[in-house]
């Protein structure tokens, strides 16, 4: 589960930064519609598309693989984090970018050296959201994973809940272990997380 959540977070972050920058800085046809579509994706329950995803993953031979779960989690997380980070990018004055471009920086250098450091709180927010969403994911793991060795932690918790009885001692112990990484990660970046939420939601 650590591998799935970590790789999903990295992949989502790498993809959402250029996407959020393009949405926040460039003007193109259907831009507002695209932003609305980002939010519409979050309105649908995963159970609606789980059968279709199962068929797609089966044809791609990605059932019962880490890669299959990583790709699915990335797709369903990327839209919202892009929308959230784009709102934060809009709070950064365009003059800062123009000054760096005049000094000889390319667009990519401007994003890496100027935009990302300034938008660090917003970027941290997207990282935490991606990690928690992947860490807590259950429906796709239940559908796409079959072997015990590749069972994520959330699905492992479900195994202690039986039809007639529940092994509460094992369930509570494993649930406590499951929340430790999230708590530690939150404590490490608490200030940046709060600043990113305020900057991206209120100012955006």
Protein backbone atom coordinates (compact mmCIF):
# COMPACT_ATOMS: atom_id res chain seq x y z
CA UNK A 1 0.00 0.00 0.00
CA UNK A 2 2.94 2.32 0.69
CA UNK A 3 4.15 1.76 -2.87
CA UNK A 4 0.73 2.45 -4.40
CA UNK A 5 0.15 5.64 -2.41
CA UNK A 6 3.70 6.95 -2.90
CA UNK A 7 3.89 6.34 -6.65
CA UNK A 8 0.37 7.71 -7.16
CA UNK A 9 1.30 10.85 -5.27
CA UNK A 10 4.48 11.37 -7.29
CA UNK A 11 2.77 10.72 -10.61
CA UNK A 12 -0.17 12.98 -9.76
CA UNK A 13 2.13 15.79 -8.67
CA UNK A 14 4.27 15.58 -11.80
CA UNK A 15 1.20 15.72 -14.03
CA UNK A 16 -0.84 18.32 -12.13
CA UNK A 17 1.85 21.03 -11.99
CA UNK A 18 2.08 21.71 -15.76
CA UNK A 19 -1.67 21.15 -16.17
CA UNK A 20 -2.55 23.60 -13.39
CA UNK A 21 -0.07 26.14 -14.74
CA UNK A 22 -1.53 25.94 -18.24
CA UNK A 23 -5.08 26.33 -16.96
CA UNK A 24 -4.20 29.29 -14.74
CA UNK A 25 -1.98 31.21 -17.16
CA UNK A 26 -3.08 30.46 -20.72
CA UNK A 27 -6.39 31.37 -22.32
CA UNK A 28 -7.98 28.85 -24.68
CA UNK A 29 -11.38 27.80 -25.94
CA UNK A 30 -13.38 25.82 -23.39
CA UNK A 31 -11.15 26.73 -20.46
CA UNK A 32 -13.99 27.30 -17.98
CA UNK A 33 -15.75 24.17 -19.19
CA UNK A 34 -12.59 22.19 -18.56
CA UNK A 35 -12.39 23.48 -14.99
CA UNK A 36 -16.00 22.53 -14.39
CA UNK A 37 -15.34 19.07 -15.81
CA UNK A 38 -12.54 18.66 -13.27
CA UNK A 39 -15.11 19.07 -10.52
CA UNK A 40 -17.74 16.94 -12.24
CA UNK A 41 -15.37 13.97 -12.11
CA UNK A 42 -15.40 14.21 -8.33
CA UNK A 43 -19.20 14.08 -8.20
CA UNK A 44 -19.45 10.52 -9.49
CA UNK A 45 -19.12 7.58 -7.16
CA UNK A 46 -16.39 5.11 -8.16
CA UNK A 47 -18.95 2.30 -8.13
CA UNK A 48 -20.52 3.75 -11.30
CA UNK A 49 -17.43 3.03 -13.40
CA UNK A 50 -15.97 0.07 -11.54
CA UNK A 51 -17.36 -2.54 -13.95
CA UNK A 52 -16.07 -0.66 -17.00
CA UNK A 53 -12.68 -0.23 -15.33
CA UNK A 54 -12.53 -3.92 -14.56
CA UNK A 55 -13.08 -4.75 -18.25
CA UNK A 56 -10.49 -2.20 -19.36
CA UNK A 57 -7.88 -3.43 -16.89
CA UNK A 58 -8.60 -7.02 -17.88
CA UNK A 59 -7.97 -6.29 -21.57
CA UNK A 60 -4.78 -4.39 -20.68
CA UNK A 61 -3.65 -7.28 -18.45
CA UNK A 62 -3.40 -4.93 -15.47
CA UNK A 63 -5.64 -6.85 -13.07
CA UNK A 64 -4.01 -7.76 -9.79
CA UNK A 65 -1.08 -5.40 -10.41
CA UNK A 66 0.25 -2.35 -8.62
CA UNK A 67 0.38 -0.47 -11.91
CA UNK A 68 -3.35 -0.90 -12.46
CA UNK A 69 -4.22 0.57 -9.07
CA UNK A 70 -1.72 3.39 -9.49
CA UNK A 71 -3.16 4.42 -12.85
CA UNK A 72 -6.76 4.31 -11.60
CA UNK A 73 -5.97 6.29 -8.45
CA UNK A 74 -4.03 8.85 -10.47
CA UNK A 75 -6.89 9.38 -12.93
CA UNK A 76 -9.46 9.95 -10.20
CA UNK A 77 -7.18 12.19 -8.13
CA UNK A 78 -5.59 14.27 -10.87
CA UNK A 79 -8.66 16.32 -11.82
CA UNK A 80 -9.28 17.77 -8.37
CA UNK A 81 -5.65 18.49 -7.49
CA UNK A 82 -5.21 20.24 -10.85
CA UNK A 83 -8.23 22.43 -10.14
CA UNK A 84 -6.97 23.15 -6.63
CA UNK A 85 -3.40 23.99 -7.66
CA UNK A 86 -4.61 26.15 -10.56
CA UNK A 87 -6.48 28.31 -8.06
CA UNK A 88 -3.26 28.79 -6.11
CA UNK A 89 -1.23 29.62 -9.23
CA UNK A 90 -3.70 32.41 -9.98
CA UNK A 91 -2.73 34.16 -6.74
CA UNK A 92 0.86 34.59 -7.99
CA UNK A 93 1.36 37.90 -9.85
CA UNK A 94 2.09 37.56 -13.56
CA UNK A 95 4.75 40.27 -13.24
CA UNK A 96 7.02 37.83 -11.42
CA UNK A 97 6.92 35.43 -14.37
CA UNK A 98 7.43 38.20 -16.90
CA UNK A 99 10.50 39.41 -15.01
CA UNK A 100 12.03 35.93 -15.07
CA UNK A 101 11.29 35.56 -18.79
CA UNK A 102 12.95 38.91 -19.46
CA UNK A 103 15.99 37.74 -17.51
CA UNK A 104 16.35 34.84 -19.93
CA UNK A 105 14.52 32.00 -18.20
CA UNK A 106 12.51 29.61 -20.31
CA UNK A 107 8.91 28.75 -19.46
CA UNK A 108 9.96 25.50 -17.83
CA UNK A 109 12.70 27.22 -15.81
CA UNK A 110 10.16 29.80 -14.67
CA UNK A 111 7.83 27.07 -13.44
CA UNK A 112 10.60 25.16 -11.64
CA UNK A 113 12.55 28.09 -10.19
CA UNK A 114 9.81 30.67 -9.60
CA UNK A 115 6.30 29.21 -9.58
CA UNK A 116 6.85 26.00 -7.63
CA UNK A 117 8.79 27.60 -4.73
CA UNK A 118 6.19 30.38 -4.37
CA UNK A 119 3.30 27.92 -4.65
CA UNK A 120 4.89 25.47 -2.21
CA UNK A 121 1.96 25.60 0.28
CA UNK A 122 -0.52 24.84 -2.49
CA UNK A 123 1.71 22.09 -3.86
CA UNK A 124 1.97 20.52 -0.42
CA UNK A 125 -1.82 20.55 -0.18
CA UNK A 126 -2.13 18.63 -3.44
CA UNK A 127 0.51 16.13 -2.33
CA UNK A 128 -1.29 15.43 0.93
CA UNK A 129 -4.65 15.11 -0.78
CA UNK A 130 -3.23 12.67 -3.34
CA UNK A 131 -1.54 10.58 -0.69
CA UNK A 132 -4.58 10.36 1.59
CA UNK A 133 -6.93 9.60 -1.31
CA UNK A 134 -4.68 6.77 -2.49
CA UNK A 135 -4.01 5.51 1.01
CA UNK A 136 -7.71 5.28 1.88
CA UNK A 137 -8.92 3.92 -1.47
CA UNK A 138 -11.03 0.76 -1.11
CA UNK A 139 -13.45 0.18 -4.00
CA UNK A 140 -10.89 -0.12 -6.80
CA UNK A 141 -8.60 -2.28 -4.68
CA UNK A 142 -11.49 -4.63 -3.88
CA UNK A 143 -12.31 -4.94 -7.58
CA UNK A 144 -8.90 -5.04 -9.24
CA UNK A 145 -6.74 -6.92 -6.71
CA UNK A 146 -7.09 -10.66 -6.21
CA UNK A 147 -3.90 -12.01 -4.63
CA UNK A 148 -3.27 -11.70 -0.91
CA UNK A 149 0.30 -10.44 -1.33
CA UNK A 150 -0.85 -7.38 -3.28
CA UNK A 151 -3.80 -6.58 -1.02
CA UNK A 152 -3.71 -2.93 0.15
CA UNK A 153 -4.06 -2.12 3.83
CA UNK A 154 -7.61 -0.83 3.50
CA UNK A 155 -8.68 -4.09 1.90
CA UNK A 156 -6.81 -6.01 4.57
CA UNK A 157 -8.95 -4.32 7.22
CA UNK A 158 -12.05 -5.58 5.46
CA UNK A 159 -10.87 -9.17 5.81
CA UNK A 160 -11.39 -9.01 9.57
CA UNK A 161 -15.09 -8.25 9.12
CA UNK A 162 -17.02 -11.49 8.67
CA UNK A 163 -20.64 -12.26 8.00
CA UNK A 164 -21.42 -13.42 11.50
CA UNK A 165 -18.53 -12.07 13.54
CA UNK A 166 -15.90 -9.32 13.51
CA UNK A 167 -12.38 -9.74 14.84
CA UNK A 168 -12.32 -6.41 16.63
CA UNK A 169 -8.94 -6.90 18.32
CA UNK A 170 -7.15 -7.31 14.98
CA UNK A 171 -9.32 -4.75 13.21
CA UNK A 172 -8.66 -1.95 15.72
CA UNK A 173 -4.94 -2.73 15.93
CA UNK A 174 -4.50 -2.64 12.16
CA UNK A 175 -6.71 0.47 11.86
CA UNK A 176 -4.46 2.25 14.34
CA UNK A 177 -1.37 1.30 12.36
CA UNK A 178 -3.05 2.45 9.16
CA UNK A 179 -3.58 6.03 10.38
CA UNK A 180 -0.05 6.52 11.71
CA UNK A 181 1.56 7.48 8.35
CA UNK A 182 -1.21 9.99 7.64
CA UNK A 183 -0.91 11.57 11.09
CA UNK A 184 2.87 11.82 10.87
CA UNK A 185 2.70 13.33 7.40
CA UNK A 186 0.08 15.84 8.51
CA UNK A 187 2.11 16.93 11.53
CA UNK A 188 5.17 17.50 9.36
CA UNK A 189 3.44 19.85 6.94
CA UNK A 190 0.54 21.22 8.99
CA UNK A 191 1.39 24.90 8.45
CA UNK A 192 1.90 24.52 4.70
CA UNK A 193 -1.31 22.51 4.41
CA UNK A 194 -3.46 25.17 6.07
CA UNK A 195 -1.82 27.95 4.06
CA UNK A 196 -2.36 26.04 0.83
CA UNK A 197 -6.05 25.40 1.51
CA UNK A 198 -6.67 29.07 2.31
CA UNK A 199 -4.65 30.33 -0.64
CA UNK A 200 -6.16 28.00 -3.19
CA UNK A 201 -9.79 28.14 -2.06
CA UNK A 202 -10.26 31.72 -0.83
CA UNK A 203 -7.93 33.71 -3.05
CA UNK A 204 -8.57 31.54 -6.11
